[in-house]
Amino acid sequence: MVKQAIAEGEFPFVVLVSDETPNENIRRFASSKGCTFDVVEEDGEYKFTFTK
């Protein structure tokens, strides 16, 4: 989902994950693609907001 949204340039978009492993994977992938994003952790869930 993240890969497709980035490839299609669908900014801004939000992704919610509830585990540490996808949190780390999304961070690495988005950083490698030069994306700008913010992450907020709340009650064990991570909310990624991608702006480019």
C-alpha atoms as a PDB file:
ATOM      1  CA  MET A   1       0.000   0.000   0.000  1.00  0.00           C
ATOM      2  CA  VAL A   2       2.738   2.495   0.951  1.00  0.00           C
ATOM      3  CA  LYS A   3       4.861   1.548  -2.044  1.00  0.00           C
ATOM      4  CA  GLN A   4       1.932   1.987  -4.432  1.00  0.00           C
ATOM      5  CA  ALA A   5       0.848   5.324  -2.955  1.00  0.00           C
ATOM      6  CA  ILE A   6       4.400   6.684  -3.182  1.00  0.00           C
ATOM      7  CA  ALA A   7       4.821   5.427  -6.748  1.00  0.00           C
ATOM      8  CA  GLU A   8       1.553   7.046  -7.809  1.00  0.00           C
ATOM      9  CA  GLY A   9       2.347  10.307  -5.990  1.00  0.00           C
ATOM     10  CA  GLU A  10      -0.811  10.150  -3.887  1.00  0.00           C
ATOM     11  CA  PHE A  11       0.239  12.738  -1.305  1.00  0.00           C
ATOM     12  CA  PRO A  12      -0.740  13.408   1.408  1.00  0.00           C
ATOM     13  CA  PHE A  13      -1.784  10.041   2.826  1.00  0.00           C
ATOM     14  CA  VAL A  14      -1.946   8.348   6.221  1.00  0.00           C
ATOM     15  CA  VAL A  15      -0.957   4.813   7.243  1.00  0.00           C
ATOM     16  CA  LEU A  16      -1.747   3.191  10.595  1.00  0.00           C
ATOM     17  CA  VAL A  17       0.254   0.251  11.924  1.00  0.00           C
ATOM     18  CA  SER A  18       0.046  -1.497  15.265  1.00  0.00           C
ATOM     19  CA  ASP A  19       3.368  -3.317  15.454  1.00  0.00           C
ATOM     20  CA  GLU A  20       7.017  -2.324  15.710  1.00  0.00           C
ATOM     21  CA  THR A  21       8.189  -4.374  12.703  1.00  0.00           C
ATOM     22  CA  PRO A  22       6.046  -2.672  10.027  1.00  0.00           C
ATOM     23  CA  ASN A  23       6.815   0.646  11.731  1.00  0.00           C
ATOM     24  CA  GLU A  24      10.533   0.100  11.133  1.00  0.00           C
ATOM     25  CA  ASN A  25      10.006  -1.250   7.605  1.00  0.00           C
ATOM     26  CA  ILE A  26       7.880   1.728   6.550  1.00  0.00           C
ATOM     27  CA  ARG A  27      10.409   4.173   7.996  1.00  0.00           C
ATOM     28  CA  ARG A  28      13.288   2.548   6.095  1.00  0.00           C
ATOM     29  CA  PHE A  29      11.379   2.280   2.825  1.00  0.00           C
ATOM     30  CA  ALA A  30      10.035   5.844   2.927  1.00  0.00           C
ATOM     31  CA  SER A  31      13.445   7.250   3.836  1.00  0.00           C
ATOM     32  CA  SER A  32      15.085   5.367   0.977  1.00  0.00           C
ATOM     33  CA  LYS A  33      12.557   6.951  -1.418  1.00  0.00           C
ATOM     34  CA  GLY A  34      13.201  10.453  -0.059  1.00  0.00           C
ATOM     35  CA  CYS A  35       9.706  10.855   1.372  1.00  0.00           C
ATOM     36  CA  THR A  36       8.760  13.344   4.055  1.00  0.00           C
ATOM     37  CA  PHE A  37       6.643  11.909   6.835  1.00  0.00           C
ATOM     38  CA  ASP A  38       5.693  12.380  10.460  1.00  0.00           C
ATOM     39  CA  VAL A  39       5.006   9.551  12.897  1.00  0.00           C
ATOM     40  CA  VAL A  40       2.865   9.755  15.999  1.00  0.00           C
ATOM     41  CA  GLU A  41       2.749   6.849  18.455  1.00  0.00           C
ATOM     42  CA  GLU A  42      -0.414   6.515  20.496  1.00  0.00           C
ATOM     43  CA  ASP A  43      -1.564   3.507  22.512  1.00  0.00           C
ATOM     44  CA  GLY A  44       0.818   1.156  20.690  1.00  0.00           C
ATOM     45  CA  GLU A  45      -0.248   2.302  17.211  1.00  0.00           C
ATOM     46  CA  TYR A  46       1.847   4.311  14.800  1.00  0.00           C
ATOM     47  CA  LYS A  47       0.253   6.909  12.548  1.00  0.00           C
ATOM     48  CA  PHE A  48       2.389   7.848   9.549  1.00  0.00           C
ATOM     49  CA  THR A  49       1.421  10.999   7.673  1.00  0.00           C
ATOM     50  CA  PHE A  50       3.228  11.272   4.340  1.00  0.00           C
ATOM     51  CA  THR A  51       3.525  14.703   2.763  1.00  0.00           C
ATOM     52  CA  LYS A  52       6.124  13.809   0.081  1.00  0.00           C
END
